[in-house]
Amino acid sequence: MTTDAGAPGPRRADETGPRPWLTLDDIVVGSRFNGFGRTISEGEISLLTGLTTGFHQPLHCDAEWVRANTSFAGPLLPGAVIVAYAIGLISATLVYSRLTLAALGMDRVRARRPVMAGDTIRASATVASSRPTQEGDKGVVVLEVVVSNQRDETVLTFDYTLLMRARAVGGA
């Protein structure tokens, strides 16, 4: 969890999380917020492999093949799923939910380490840039997202570009 100033700190039971952005002016380049954690199960890997890669990639669905042909202990969570989880983990903070109009894209997606059953992943986001659009009623914000495991090793990174309102709809 981060403080309002963006400095990292431990999560306390009474902590409600970072303050939501209410206007484009609330977005400070360089500020960081931490999403939540999620422990990956074997069932998730099996189910989500079926939905994303269709069971034709043994790296994600065949434990015996993985052990015989790689240095990994079991099937890996597909990278596309890690990206989706990361977006969900940072979105759950509700930091940018009042302003977001659309996801414009993801760039520089890089897998750094494998994620397997039993791993717990966490996502954090740092504001890389924020600028108003030409119309002035919207802005484009780029978040640098880092996904880490339970050992604080980076497993995946990407830039996430969002189109945002300049002001929240419906007041606070």
N, C-alpha and C. Protein backbone atom coordinates (compact mmCIF):
# COMPACT_ATOMS: atom_id res chain seq x y z
N MET A 1 0.85 -1.18 0.00
CA MET A 1 0.00 0.00 0.00
C MET A 1 0.89 1.23 0.00
N THR A 2 0.41 2.31 -0.49
CA THR A 2 1.18 3.55 -0.48
C THR A 2 0.44 4.60 0.32
N THR A 3 1.18 5.57 0.79
CA THR A 3 0.56 6.71 1.45
C THR A 3 0.06 7.66 0.38
N ASP A 4 -0.68 8.70 0.78
CA ASP A 4 -1.17 9.67 -0.19
C ASP A 4 -0.04 10.34 -0.94
N ALA A 5 1.12 10.45 -0.29
CA ALA A 5 2.27 11.07 -0.94
C ALA A 5 2.95 10.12 -1.92
N GLY A 6 2.52 8.86 -1.94
CA GLY A 6 3.09 7.90 -2.86
C GLY A 6 4.22 7.08 -2.29
N ALA A 7 4.59 7.32 -1.04
CA ALA A 7 5.67 6.54 -0.43
C ALA A 7 5.15 5.18 -0.01
N PRO A 8 5.88 4.10 -0.33
CA PRO A 8 5.39 2.78 0.02
C PRO A 8 5.39 2.59 1.53
N GLY A 9 4.49 1.78 1.99
CA GLY A 9 4.41 1.46 3.40
C GLY A 9 3.60 0.21 3.59
N PRO A 10 3.66 -0.41 4.74
CA PRO A 10 2.93 -1.65 4.96
C PRO A 10 1.43 -1.40 5.05
N ARG A 11 0.65 -2.39 4.67
CA ARG A 11 -0.81 -2.31 4.78
C ARG A 11 -1.20 -2.57 6.23
N ARG A 12 -2.05 -1.71 6.77
CA ARG A 12 -2.59 -1.89 8.11
C ARG A 12 -4.06 -2.25 7.98
N ALA A 13 -4.59 -2.90 9.00
CA ALA A 13 -5.99 -3.31 8.97
C ALA A 13 -6.93 -2.13 8.82
N ASP A 14 -6.56 -0.94 9.34
CA ASP A 14 -7.44 0.22 9.28
C ASP A 14 -7.18 1.10 8.06
N GLU A 15 -6.27 0.71 7.20
CA GLU A 15 -5.91 1.53 6.04
C GLU A 15 -6.91 1.29 4.91
N THR A 16 -7.41 2.36 4.33
CA THR A 16 -8.42 2.23 3.28
C THR A 16 -7.83 2.28 1.88
N GLY A 17 -6.55 2.56 1.76
CA GLY A 17 -5.92 2.58 0.46
C GLY A 17 -5.63 3.98 -0.02
N PRO A 18 -5.02 4.09 -1.19
CA PRO A 18 -4.67 5.41 -1.73
C PRO A 18 -5.93 6.20 -2.08
N ARG A 19 -5.82 7.48 -2.04
CA ARG A 19 -6.96 8.37 -2.33
C ARG A 19 -7.29 8.29 -3.82
N PRO A 20 -8.56 8.11 -4.17
CA PRO A 20 -8.96 8.08 -5.59
C PRO A 20 -8.69 9.41 -6.28
N TRP A 21 -8.34 9.32 -7.55
CA TRP A 21 -8.17 10.52 -8.36
C TRP A 21 -9.55 11.06 -8.72
N LEU A 22 -9.77 12.34 -8.43
CA LEU A 22 -11.06 12.97 -8.74
C LEU A 22 -10.98 13.87 -9.96
N THR A 23 -9.78 14.36 -10.26
CA THR A 23 -9.58 15.18 -11.45
C THR A 23 -8.22 14.81 -12.04
N LEU A 24 -8.00 15.23 -13.26
CA LEU A 24 -6.71 14.99 -13.90
C LEU A 24 -5.57 15.65 -13.10
N ASP A 25 -5.89 16.74 -12.42
CA ASP A 25 -4.89 17.44 -11.61
C ASP A 25 -4.42 16.62 -10.40
N ASP A 26 -5.22 15.63 -9.97
CA ASP A 26 -4.83 14.77 -8.85
C ASP A 26 -3.72 13.79 -9.22
N ILE A 27 -3.48 13.62 -10.50
CA ILE A 27 -2.53 12.61 -10.96
C ILE A 27 -1.13 13.21 -10.99
N VAL A 28 -0.26 12.67 -10.15
CA VAL A 28 1.10 13.19 -10.01
C VAL A 28 2.08 12.23 -10.66
N VAL A 29 2.79 12.72 -11.68
CA VAL A 29 3.79 11.89 -12.34
C VAL A 29 4.84 11.48 -11.30
N GLY A 30 5.16 10.19 -11.30
CA GLY A 30 6.12 9.64 -10.35
C GLY A 30 5.47 9.02 -9.13
N SER A 31 4.18 9.31 -8.89
CA SER A 31 3.52 8.70 -7.74
C SER A 31 3.25 7.22 -8.02
N ARG A 32 3.16 6.46 -6.96
CA ARG A 32 3.01 5.01 -7.09
C ARG A 32 1.89 4.53 -6.17
N PHE A 33 1.18 3.53 -6.62
CA PHE A 33 0.21 2.87 -5.75
C PHE A 33 0.31 1.37 -5.96
N ASN A 34 0.01 0.65 -4.90
CA ASN A 34 0.11 -0.81 -4.91
C ASN A 34 -1.27 -1.43 -4.97
N GLY A 35 -1.39 -2.42 -5.82
CA GLY A 35 -2.61 -3.20 -5.89
C GLY A 35 -2.60 -4.29 -4.85
N PHE A 36 -3.51 -5.20 -4.99
CA PHE A 36 -3.66 -6.29 -4.04
C PHE A 36 -2.88 -7.51 -4.50
N GLY A 37 -2.85 -8.55 -3.68
CA GLY A 37 -2.17 -9.79 -4.02
C GLY A 37 -3.15 -10.87 -4.39
N ARG A 38 -2.63 -11.89 -5.08
CA ARG A 38 -3.45 -13.02 -5.49
C ARG A 38 -2.56 -14.26 -5.55
N THR A 39 -2.96 -15.32 -4.86
CA THR A 39 -2.23 -16.58 -4.90
C THR A 39 -2.81 -17.44 -6.03
N ILE A 40 -1.94 -17.95 -6.86
CA ILE A 40 -2.34 -18.70 -8.06
C ILE A 40 -2.51 -20.18 -7.71
N SER A 41 -3.60 -20.76 -8.18
CA SER A 41 -3.86 -22.19 -7.93
C SER A 41 -3.66 -23.00 -9.22
N GLU A 42 -3.50 -24.32 -9.05
CA GLU A 42 -3.39 -25.22 -10.21
C GLU A 42 -4.66 -25.14 -11.06
N GLY A 43 -5.81 -25.05 -10.40
CA GLY A 43 -7.08 -24.99 -11.11
C GLY A 43 -7.17 -23.76 -12.02
N GLU A 44 -6.68 -22.61 -11.51
CA GLU A 44 -6.67 -21.39 -12.33
C GLU A 44 -5.82 -21.58 -13.57
N ILE A 45 -4.64 -22.15 -13.38
CA ILE A 45 -3.75 -22.35 -14.52
C ILE A 45 -4.43 -23.23 -15.56
N SER A 46 -5.06 -24.30 -15.11
CA SER A 46 -5.75 -25.20 -16.04
C SER A 46 -6.91 -24.50 -16.74
N LEU A 47 -7.76 -23.85 -15.98
CA LEU A 47 -8.93 -23.19 -16.56
C LEU A 47 -8.52 -22.07 -17.51
N LEU A 48 -7.61 -21.21 -17.08
CA LEU A 48 -7.26 -20.04 -17.87
C LEU A 48 -6.38 -20.41 -19.06
N THR A 49 -5.64 -21.51 -18.97
CA THR A 49 -4.91 -22.00 -20.14
C THR A 49 -5.91 -22.41 -21.21
N GLY A 50 -6.97 -23.09 -20.81
CA GLY A 50 -8.00 -23.49 -21.76
C GLY A 50 -8.65 -22.31 -22.45
N LEU A 51 -8.84 -21.23 -21.70
CA LEU A 51 -9.48 -20.04 -22.27
C LEU A 51 -8.54 -19.22 -23.14
N THR A 52 -7.23 -19.25 -22.85
CA THR A 52 -6.31 -18.36 -23.58
C THR A 52 -5.44 -19.05 -24.61
N THR A 53 -4.96 -20.25 -24.32
CA THR A 53 -4.05 -20.91 -25.26
C THR A 53 -4.59 -22.23 -25.78
N GLY A 54 -5.73 -22.67 -25.27
CA GLY A 54 -6.41 -23.83 -25.82
C GLY A 54 -5.74 -25.17 -25.60
N PHE A 55 -4.98 -25.35 -24.58
CA PHE A 55 -4.36 -26.62 -24.20
C PHE A 55 -3.39 -27.18 -25.23
N HIS A 56 -3.01 -26.43 -26.23
CA HIS A 56 -2.05 -26.95 -27.21
C HIS A 56 -0.61 -26.60 -26.84
N GLN A 57 -0.42 -25.84 -25.80
CA GLN A 57 0.93 -25.45 -25.36
C GLN A 57 1.25 -26.22 -24.08
N PRO A 58 2.09 -27.27 -24.16
CA PRO A 58 2.35 -28.10 -22.98
C PRO A 58 2.99 -27.33 -21.82
N LEU A 59 3.64 -26.22 -22.09
CA LEU A 59 4.25 -25.42 -21.02
C LEU A 59 3.22 -24.98 -19.99
N HIS A 60 1.95 -24.87 -20.41
CA HIS A 60 0.90 -24.39 -19.53
C HIS A 60 -0.06 -25.47 -19.04
N CYS A 61 0.05 -26.70 -19.57
CA CYS A 61 -0.97 -27.68 -19.20
C CYS A 61 -0.47 -29.11 -18.97
N ASP A 62 0.79 -29.38 -19.20
CA ASP A 62 1.29 -30.75 -19.09
C ASP A 62 2.45 -30.80 -18.09
N ALA A 63 2.12 -31.12 -16.84
CA ALA A 63 3.12 -31.11 -15.76
C ALA A 63 4.29 -32.04 -16.06
N GLU A 64 4.01 -33.21 -16.61
CA GLU A 64 5.09 -34.16 -16.90
C GLU A 64 6.01 -33.62 -17.99
N TRP A 65 5.43 -33.03 -19.03
CA TRP A 65 6.23 -32.45 -20.10
C TRP A 65 7.09 -31.31 -19.55
N VAL A 66 6.50 -30.47 -18.73
CA VAL A 66 7.24 -29.34 -18.15
C VAL A 66 8.44 -29.83 -17.35
N ARG A 67 8.23 -30.83 -16.48
CA ARG A 67 9.33 -31.35 -15.65
C ARG A 67 10.41 -32.02 -16.50
N ALA A 68 10.02 -32.70 -17.58
CA ALA A 68 10.98 -33.41 -18.42
C ALA A 68 11.74 -32.48 -19.38
N ASN A 69 11.14 -31.36 -19.74
CA ASN A 69 11.72 -30.53 -20.80
C ASN A 69 12.14 -29.12 -20.39
N THR A 70 11.89 -28.75 -19.14
CA THR A 70 12.27 -27.41 -18.67
C THR A 70 12.86 -27.53 -17.27
N SER A 71 13.28 -26.43 -16.73
CA SER A 71 13.78 -26.40 -15.35
C SER A 71 12.67 -26.05 -14.37
N PHE A 72 11.44 -25.95 -14.84
CA PHE A 72 10.31 -25.58 -13.98
C PHE A 72 9.70 -26.81 -13.32
N ALA A 73 9.08 -26.59 -12.16
CA ALA A 73 8.49 -27.68 -11.39
C ALA A 73 7.08 -28.04 -11.83
N GLY A 74 6.46 -27.19 -12.62
CA GLY A 74 5.09 -27.46 -13.05
C GLY A 74 4.65 -26.45 -14.09
N PRO A 75 3.41 -26.58 -14.56
CA PRO A 75 2.88 -25.69 -15.59
C PRO A 75 2.92 -24.22 -15.17
N LEU A 76 3.10 -23.35 -16.16
CA LEU A 76 3.19 -21.91 -15.93
C LEU A 76 1.87 -21.22 -16.26
N LEU A 77 1.58 -20.16 -15.53
CA LEU A 77 0.42 -19.34 -15.84
C LEU A 77 0.74 -18.56 -17.12
N PRO A 78 -0.16 -18.56 -18.12
CA PRO A 78 0.11 -17.81 -19.35
C PRO A 78 0.31 -16.32 -19.07
N GLY A 79 1.24 -15.71 -19.80
CA GLY A 79 1.55 -14.30 -19.62
C GLY A 79 0.35 -13.38 -19.81
N ALA A 80 -0.52 -13.72 -20.75
CA ALA A 80 -1.71 -12.89 -20.98
C ALA A 80 -2.58 -12.85 -19.73
N VAL A 81 -2.62 -13.92 -19.00
CA VAL A 81 -3.41 -13.97 -17.77
C VAL A 81 -2.75 -13.12 -16.68
N ILE A 82 -1.43 -13.13 -16.63
CA ILE A 82 -0.72 -12.29 -15.64
C ILE A 82 -1.03 -10.83 -15.91
N VAL A 83 -1.03 -10.41 -17.17
CA VAL A 83 -1.38 -9.03 -17.52
C VAL A 83 -2.80 -8.72 -17.06
N ALA A 84 -3.73 -9.61 -17.35
CA ALA A 84 -5.13 -9.39 -16.96
C ALA A 84 -5.26 -9.30 -15.44
N TYR A 85 -4.60 -10.20 -14.73
CA TYR A 85 -4.64 -10.14 -13.26
C TYR A 85 -4.05 -8.83 -12.75
N ALA A 86 -2.94 -8.40 -13.33
CA ALA A 86 -2.29 -7.16 -12.88
C ALA A 86 -3.25 -5.98 -13.02
N ILE A 87 -3.93 -5.89 -14.15
CA ILE A 87 -4.89 -4.80 -14.35
C ILE A 87 -6.00 -4.89 -13.30
N GLY A 88 -6.48 -6.08 -13.04
CA GLY A 88 -7.51 -6.25 -12.02
C GLY A 88 -7.02 -5.89 -10.63
N LEU A 89 -5.80 -6.27 -10.30
CA LEU A 89 -5.26 -6.00 -8.96
C LEU A 89 -5.04 -4.52 -8.70
N ILE A 90 -4.62 -3.77 -9.73
CA ILE A 90 -4.47 -2.32 -9.52
C ILE A 90 -5.81 -1.60 -9.66
N SER A 91 -6.68 -2.10 -10.53
CA SER A 91 -8.00 -1.48 -10.68
C SER A 91 -8.83 -1.61 -9.41
N ALA A 92 -8.64 -2.68 -8.68
CA ALA A 92 -9.40 -2.92 -7.45
C ALA A 92 -9.12 -1.87 -6.38
N THR A 93 -8.05 -1.11 -6.53
CA THR A 93 -7.78 -0.03 -5.57
C THR A 93 -8.76 1.13 -5.76
N LEU A 94 -9.42 1.20 -6.90
CA LEU A 94 -10.37 2.26 -7.27
C LEU A 94 -9.70 3.63 -7.41
N VAL A 95 -8.36 3.65 -7.51
CA VAL A 95 -7.65 4.92 -7.64
C VAL A 95 -8.11 5.68 -8.87
N TYR A 96 -8.24 5.00 -10.00
CA TYR A 96 -8.54 5.71 -11.25
C TYR A 96 -9.92 5.40 -11.82
N SER A 97 -10.76 4.73 -11.07
CA SER A 97 -12.05 4.27 -11.60
C SER A 97 -13.02 5.40 -11.94
N ARG A 98 -12.97 6.52 -11.23
CA ARG A 98 -13.92 7.61 -11.48
C ARG A 98 -13.60 8.41 -12.74
N LEU A 99 -12.38 8.31 -13.20
CA LEU A 99 -11.96 9.10 -14.36
C LEU A 99 -11.81 8.31 -15.64
N THR A 100 -11.64 7.01 -15.55
CA THR A 100 -11.27 6.22 -16.72
C THR A 100 -12.40 6.12 -17.74
N LEU A 101 -12.06 6.42 -18.99
CA LEU A 101 -12.98 6.29 -20.11
C LEU A 101 -12.67 5.06 -20.97
N ALA A 102 -11.37 4.78 -21.13
CA ALA A 102 -10.98 3.67 -21.99
C ALA A 102 -9.52 3.28 -21.75
N ALA A 103 -9.24 2.04 -22.00
CA ALA A 103 -7.84 1.59 -22.07
C ALA A 103 -7.40 1.81 -23.52
N LEU A 104 -6.31 2.55 -23.69
CA LEU A 104 -5.82 2.85 -25.04
C LEU A 104 -4.78 1.85 -25.52
N GLY A 105 -4.13 1.15 -24.59
CA GLY A 105 -3.16 0.16 -25.03
C GLY A 105 -2.20 -0.25 -23.96
N MET A 106 -1.42 -1.27 -24.31
CA MET A 106 -0.35 -1.77 -23.46
C MET A 106 0.90 -1.85 -24.32
N ASP A 107 1.99 -1.40 -23.78
CA ASP A 107 3.25 -1.40 -24.51
C ASP A 107 4.34 -2.00 -23.62
N ARG A 108 5.41 -2.39 -24.27
CA ARG A 108 6.60 -2.89 -23.58
C ARG A 108 6.28 -4.01 -22.59
N VAL A 109 5.40 -4.93 -22.97
CA VAL A 109 5.08 -6.06 -22.10
C VAL A 109 6.27 -7.00 -22.09
N ARG A 110 6.78 -7.30 -20.90
CA ARG A 110 7.95 -8.17 -20.78
C ARG A 110 7.77 -9.16 -19.64
N ALA A 111 7.84 -10.44 -19.97
CA ALA A 111 7.82 -11.49 -18.96
C ALA A 111 9.24 -11.63 -18.43
N ARG A 112 9.38 -11.59 -17.12
CA ARG A 112 10.71 -11.65 -16.49
C ARG A 112 10.98 -12.97 -15.78
N ARG A 113 9.95 -13.54 -15.18
CA ARG A 113 10.06 -14.81 -14.45
C ARG A 113 8.74 -15.56 -14.58
N PRO A 114 8.78 -16.87 -14.41
CA PRO A 114 7.55 -17.66 -14.50
C PRO A 114 6.67 -17.48 -13.26
N VAL A 115 5.38 -17.73 -13.45
CA VAL A 115 4.42 -17.78 -12.35
C VAL A 115 3.78 -19.16 -12.39
N MET A 116 3.85 -19.84 -11.24
CA MET A 116 3.32 -21.20 -11.13
C MET A 116 2.33 -21.30 -9.97
N ALA A 117 1.64 -22.42 -9.89
CA ALA A 117 0.72 -22.66 -8.78
C ALA A 117 1.46 -22.48 -7.46
N GLY A 118 0.82 -21.80 -6.54
CA GLY A 118 1.40 -21.52 -5.23
C GLY A 118 2.07 -20.16 -5.14
N ASP A 119 2.38 -19.54 -6.29
CA ASP A 119 2.97 -18.20 -6.27
C ASP A 119 1.89 -17.17 -5.94
N THR A 120 2.29 -16.14 -5.23
CA THR A 120 1.41 -15.01 -4.96
C THR A 120 1.96 -13.81 -5.71
N ILE A 121 1.12 -13.25 -6.57
CA ILE A 121 1.55 -12.08 -7.35
C ILE A 121 0.90 -10.83 -6.79
N ARG A 122 1.62 -9.71 -6.91
CA ARG A 122 1.14 -8.40 -6.53
C ARG A 122 1.49 -7.43 -7.65
N ALA A 123 0.66 -6.44 -7.84
CA ALA A 123 0.92 -5.45 -8.90
C ALA A 123 1.03 -4.06 -8.28
N SER A 124 1.94 -3.29 -8.83
CA SER A 124 2.06 -1.88 -8.44
C SER A 124 2.11 -1.06 -9.72
N ALA A 125 1.71 0.20 -9.61
CA ALA A 125 1.69 1.09 -10.77
C ALA A 125 2.32 2.42 -10.40
N THR A 126 3.16 2.92 -11.28
CA THR A 126 3.77 4.23 -11.14
C THR A 126 3.32 5.09 -12.31
N VAL A 127 2.89 6.32 -12.03
CA VAL A 127 2.45 7.22 -13.09
C VAL A 127 3.69 7.68 -13.86
N ALA A 128 3.79 7.24 -15.12
CA ALA A 128 4.93 7.61 -15.97
C ALA A 128 4.69 8.95 -16.65
N SER A 129 3.44 9.22 -17.03
CA SER A 129 3.12 10.50 -17.67
C SER A 129 1.63 10.76 -17.56
N SER A 130 1.29 12.03 -17.63
CA SER A 130 -0.10 12.48 -17.59
C SER A 130 -0.17 13.79 -18.37
N ARG A 131 -1.09 13.84 -19.34
CA ARG A 131 -1.21 15.06 -20.13
C ARG A 131 -2.65 15.24 -20.58
N PRO A 132 -3.10 16.48 -20.65
CA PRO A 132 -4.44 16.71 -21.17
C PRO A 132 -4.46 16.49 -22.68
N THR A 133 -5.62 16.13 -23.20
CA THR A 133 -5.78 16.02 -24.65
C THR A 133 -5.96 17.43 -25.22
N GLN A 134 -5.97 17.54 -26.52
CA GLN A 134 -6.15 18.83 -27.17
C GLN A 134 -7.48 19.48 -26.80
N GLU A 135 -8.51 18.66 -26.63
CA GLU A 135 -9.83 19.19 -26.27
C GLU A 135 -9.84 19.73 -24.85
N GLY A 136 -8.97 19.21 -23.99
CA GLY A 136 -8.87 19.69 -22.62
C GLY A 136 -9.82 19.05 -21.63
N ASP A 137 -10.83 18.32 -22.11
CA ASP A 137 -11.77 17.69 -21.19
C ASP A 137 -11.40 16.24 -20.87
N LYS A 138 -10.28 15.78 -21.42
CA LYS A 138 -9.78 14.43 -21.19
C LYS A 138 -8.27 14.48 -21.03
N GLY A 139 -7.72 13.37 -20.59
CA GLY A 139 -6.28 13.27 -20.47
C GLY A 139 -5.81 11.87 -20.79
N VAL A 140 -4.54 11.74 -21.10
CA VAL A 140 -3.93 10.44 -21.36
C VAL A 140 -2.91 10.20 -20.26
N VAL A 141 -3.05 9.07 -19.59
CA VAL A 141 -2.18 8.71 -18.48
C VAL A 141 -1.50 7.38 -18.79
N VAL A 142 -0.20 7.33 -18.58
CA VAL A 142 0.55 6.09 -18.76
C VAL A 142 1.02 5.61 -17.39
N LEU A 143 0.66 4.37 -17.07
CA LEU A 143 1.08 3.73 -15.83
C LEU A 143 2.13 2.68 -16.15
N GLU A 144 3.24 2.70 -15.44
CA GLU A 144 4.23 1.63 -15.54
C GLU A 144 3.84 0.60 -14.49
N VAL A 145 3.46 -0.58 -14.95
CA VAL A 145 2.97 -1.63 -14.06
C VAL A 145 4.07 -2.66 -13.86
N VAL A 146 4.27 -3.04 -12.60
CA VAL A 146 5.24 -4.07 -12.24
C VAL A 146 4.50 -5.14 -11.45
N VAL A 147 4.63 -6.38 -11.88
CA VAL A 147 4.05 -7.51 -11.18
C VAL A 147 5.20 -8.27 -10.51
N SER A 148 5.05 -8.50 -9.21
CA SER A 148 6.10 -9.19 -8.43
C SER A 148 5.51 -10.43 -7.78
N ASN A 149 6.40 -11.36 -7.43
CA ASN A 149 5.95 -12.55 -6.72
C ASN A 149 6.20 -12.40 -5.21
N GLN A 150 5.97 -13.46 -4.47
CA GLN A 150 6.09 -13.43 -3.02
C GLN A 150 7.52 -13.21 -2.55
N ARG A 151 8.48 -13.36 -3.42
CA ARG A 151 9.90 -13.11 -3.08
C ARG A 151 10.34 -11.73 -3.55
N ASP A 152 9.39 -10.89 -3.93
CA ASP A 152 9.66 -9.54 -4.46
C ASP A 152 10.49 -9.57 -5.74
N GLU A 153 10.40 -10.67 -6.49
CA GLU A 153 11.05 -10.76 -7.80
C GLU A 153 10.06 -10.26 -8.85
N THR A 154 10.52 -9.46 -9.77
CA THR A 154 9.66 -8.97 -10.84
C THR A 154 9.37 -10.12 -11.80
N VAL A 155 8.08 -10.37 -12.04
CA VAL A 155 7.70 -11.44 -12.96
C VAL A 155 7.22 -10.90 -14.31
N LEU A 156 6.69 -9.67 -14.34
CA LEU A 156 6.18 -9.11 -15.58
C LEU A 156 6.09 -7.59 -15.45
N THR A 157 6.36 -6.89 -16.54
CA THR A 157 6.24 -5.43 -16.56
C THR A 157 5.54 -5.00 -17.85
N PHE A 158 4.83 -3.88 -17.78
CA PHE A 158 4.23 -3.31 -18.98
C PHE A 158 3.79 -1.88 -18.70
N ASP A 159 3.62 -1.13 -19.78
CA ASP A 159 3.05 0.22 -19.71
C ASP A 159 1.58 0.12 -20.08
N TYR A 160 0.73 0.76 -19.30
CA TYR A 160 -0.71 0.70 -19.47
C TYR A 160 -1.21 2.13 -19.70
N THR A 161 -1.74 2.40 -20.90
CA THR A 161 -2.18 3.74 -21.26
C THR A 161 -3.69 3.85 -21.18
N LEU A 162 -4.16 4.86 -20.45
CA LEU A 162 -5.58 5.06 -20.21
C LEU A 162 -6.03 6.44 -20.68
N LEU A 163 -7.25 6.50 -21.20
CA LEU A 163 -7.89 7.76 -21.51
C LEU A 163 -8.78 8.11 -20.32
N MET A 164 -8.63 9.34 -19.80
CA MET A 164 -9.36 9.72 -18.59
C MET A 164 -10.09 11.03 -18.78
N ARG A 165 -11.18 11.16 -18.04
CA ARG A 165 -11.88 12.45 -17.96
C ARG A 165 -10.99 13.43 -17.20
N ALA A 166 -11.14 14.69 -17.48
CA ALA A 166 -10.41 15.70 -16.71
C ALA A 166 -11.06 15.91 -15.35
N ARG A 167 -12.37 15.63 -15.24
CA ARG A 167 -13.11 15.79 -14.00
C ARG A 167 -14.02 14.58 -13.80
N ALA A 168 -14.24 14.20 -12.56
CA ALA A 168 -15.13 13.09 -12.26
C ALA A 168 -16.57 13.46 -12.60
N VAL A 169 -17.34 12.47 -13.00
CA VAL A 169 -18.75 12.65 -13.29
C VAL A 169 -19.54 12.45 -12.00
N GLY A 170 -20.54 13.26 -11.77
CA GLY A 170 -21.42 13.05 -10.61
C GLY A 170 -20.81 13.49 -9.29
N GLY A 171 -19.91 14.42 -9.29
CA GLY A 171 -19.33 14.93 -8.04
C GLY A 171 -18.28 14.01 -7.49
N ALA A 172 -18.09 14.05 -6.18
CA ALA A 172 -17.03 13.28 -5.51
C ALA A 172 -17.31 11.83 -5.66
